[in-house]
Protein backbone atom coordinates (compact mmCIF):
# COMPACT_ATOMS: atom_id res chain seq x y z
CA MET A 1 362.92 79.35 98.64
CA GLU A 2 365.44 82.14 99.09
CA LYS A 3 364.33 85.29 100.86
CA THR A 4 364.63 88.68 99.21
CA PRO A 5 367.03 91.11 100.91
CA ASN A 6 364.16 93.28 102.17
CA LYS A 7 362.37 90.27 103.68
CA ARG A 8 365.64 89.11 105.24
CA VAL A 9 366.29 92.55 106.76
CA ASN A 10 362.71 92.66 108.06
CA ASP A 11 363.09 89.24 109.72
CA LEU A 12 366.51 90.02 111.21
CA CYS A 13 365.35 93.36 112.61
CA ARG A 14 362.23 91.74 114.07
CA ASN A 15 364.28 89.00 115.75
CA TRP A 16 366.95 91.34 117.12
CA GLY A 17 364.34 93.88 118.23
CA ILE A 18 362.45 91.23 120.20
CA PHE A 19 365.72 89.94 121.68
CA LEU A 20 366.75 93.43 122.81
CA VAL A 21 363.36 94.16 124.37
CA ILE A 22 363.42 90.85 126.29
CA ALA A 23 367.05 91.43 127.34
CA SER A 24 366.22 94.92 128.62
CA ILE A 25 363.25 93.63 130.63
CA PHE A 26 365.54 91.00 132.14
CA GLN A 27 368.07 93.74 133.00
CA LEU A 28 365.35 95.88 134.59
CA LEU A 29 364.16 92.95 136.70
CA PHE A 30 367.67 92.36 138.04
CA GLN A 31 368.80 95.91 138.67
CA ASP A 32 371.26 94.83 141.35
CA LEU A 33 373.30 93.03 138.64
CA PHE A 34 372.72 95.33 135.67
CA ASP A 35 372.77 99.07 135.08
CA PRO A 36 369.16 100.33 134.70
CA LEU A 37 370.29 103.19 132.45
CA TRP A 38 371.85 100.70 130.06
CA ALA A 39 368.65 98.61 130.17
CA ILE A 40 366.64 101.65 129.05
CA VAL A 41 369.09 102.29 126.19
CA VAL A 42 368.79 98.66 125.08
CA LEU A 43 364.98 98.86 125.33
CA LEU A 44 364.88 102.01 123.19
CA ILE A 45 367.16 100.49 120.54
CA GLY A 46 365.01 97.34 120.52
CA ILE A 47 361.79 99.32 120.06
CA PHE A 48 363.48 101.50 117.44
CA THR A 49 364.60 98.38 115.56
CA LEU A 50 361.08 96.92 115.66
CA ILE A 51 359.56 100.13 114.31
CA PHE A 52 362.18 101.05 111.68
CA ARG A 53 363.27 97.76 110.14
CA LYS A 54 366.22 98.99 108.08
CA LYS A 55 369.58 97.43 107.30
CA TRP A 56 371.50 100.06 109.27
CA ASN A 57 369.78 98.93 112.49
CA LEU A 58 371.89 95.77 112.29
CA ALA A 59 375.02 97.94 112.14
CA LEU A 60 373.76 99.91 115.15
CA ILE A 61 373.12 96.75 117.17
CA GLY A 62 376.46 95.22 116.18
CA GLY A 63 378.34 98.41 117.06
CA MET A 64 376.51 98.65 120.38
CA PHE A 65 377.50 95.10 121.36
CA LEU A 66 381.11 95.66 120.26
CA LEU A 67 381.44 98.86 122.32
CA VAL A 68 379.82 97.37 125.43
CA GLY A 69 381.90 94.21 125.12
CA ALA A 70 385.11 96.22 124.87
CA TYR A 71 384.05 98.35 127.85
CA ASN A 72 383.30 95.26 129.97
CA ILE A 73 386.68 93.75 129.10
CA TYR A 74 388.32 97.04 130.07
CA LEU A 75 386.48 96.97 133.42
CA ALA A 76 387.60 93.38 134.07
CA ILE A 77 391.23 94.21 133.31
CA SER A 78 391.27 97.41 135.34
CA ASP A 79 389.61 95.96 138.45
CA SER A 80 390.46 92.43 139.55
CA THR A 81 387.19 92.07 141.50
CA LEU A 82 385.14 92.30 138.28
CA GLN A 83 386.39 89.15 136.54
CA MET A 84 382.83 88.17 135.52
CA PHE A 85 382.84 91.19 133.21
CA LEU A 86 385.63 89.57 131.19
CA PHE A 87 383.41 86.63 130.28
CA ALA A 88 380.45 88.91 129.55
CA GLY A 89 382.65 91.17 127.42
CA VAL A 90 383.89 88.28 125.30
CA ILE A 91 380.32 87.06 124.76
CA GLN A 92 379.21 90.59 123.82
CA LEU A 93 382.10 90.95 121.38
CA ALA A 94 381.11 87.66 119.75
CA ILE A 95 377.48 88.80 119.44
CA GLY A 96 378.63 92.14 118.01
CA LEU A 97 380.76 90.39 115.39
CA PHE A 98 377.88 88.06 114.55
CA VAL A 99 375.41 90.93 114.01
CA SER A 100 377.98 92.95 112.04
CA ASN A 101 378.52 89.90 109.84
CA GLN A 102 374.77 89.68 109.24
CA TYR A 103 374.80 93.35 108.23
CA HIS A 104 377.63 92.81 105.74
CA LYS A 105 376.07 89.66 104.25
CA ILE A 106 373.00 91.53 103.03
CA GLU A 107 374.04 92.18 99.46
CA GLU A 108 371.45 94.52 98.03
CA LYS A 109 371.20 98.07 99.17
CA GLU A 110 367.82 99.26 100.35
CA VAL A 111 365.74 100.92 97.69
CA SER A 112 364.64 104.43 98.44
CA ASP A 113 361.02 105.45 98.01
CA LYS A 114 362.12 108.30 95.75
CA LYS A 115 362.09 107.73 92.02
CA GLY A 116 364.88 109.12 89.85
CA ASN A 117 367.89 111.12 90.89
CA TRP A 118 367.37 114.00 93.26
CA PHE A 119 369.91 116.16 91.45
CA LYS A 120 368.27 116.00 88.00
CA ARG A 121 365.84 118.65 86.94
CA HIS A 122 362.52 117.33 85.77
CA PRO A 123 360.25 119.44 83.53
């Protein structure tokens, strides 16, 4: 049985929201390895995705991973002591592309709760 686009978006947002919350807790537990400010940002985006399960959350998550991956690669290139960031950046870029691909594969646009066109006058 094929899922409707709204059910698919709901499932994807739930899964990515849970993943981001778990990842942020992991980052907060190991603050000597990870930036706690970034962990809080990831936690907020995860909670936001769990509450508002909309298609554009996937674009937000994908964009976030792409930007962080590019930044980590930049850090690895600019400082030779941070070579681990190169591997992490490549993984984050791959995750960002994967989530962005999920966003673009959802064919139907979300239906607004409003009926009719907002610009038409109704008697």
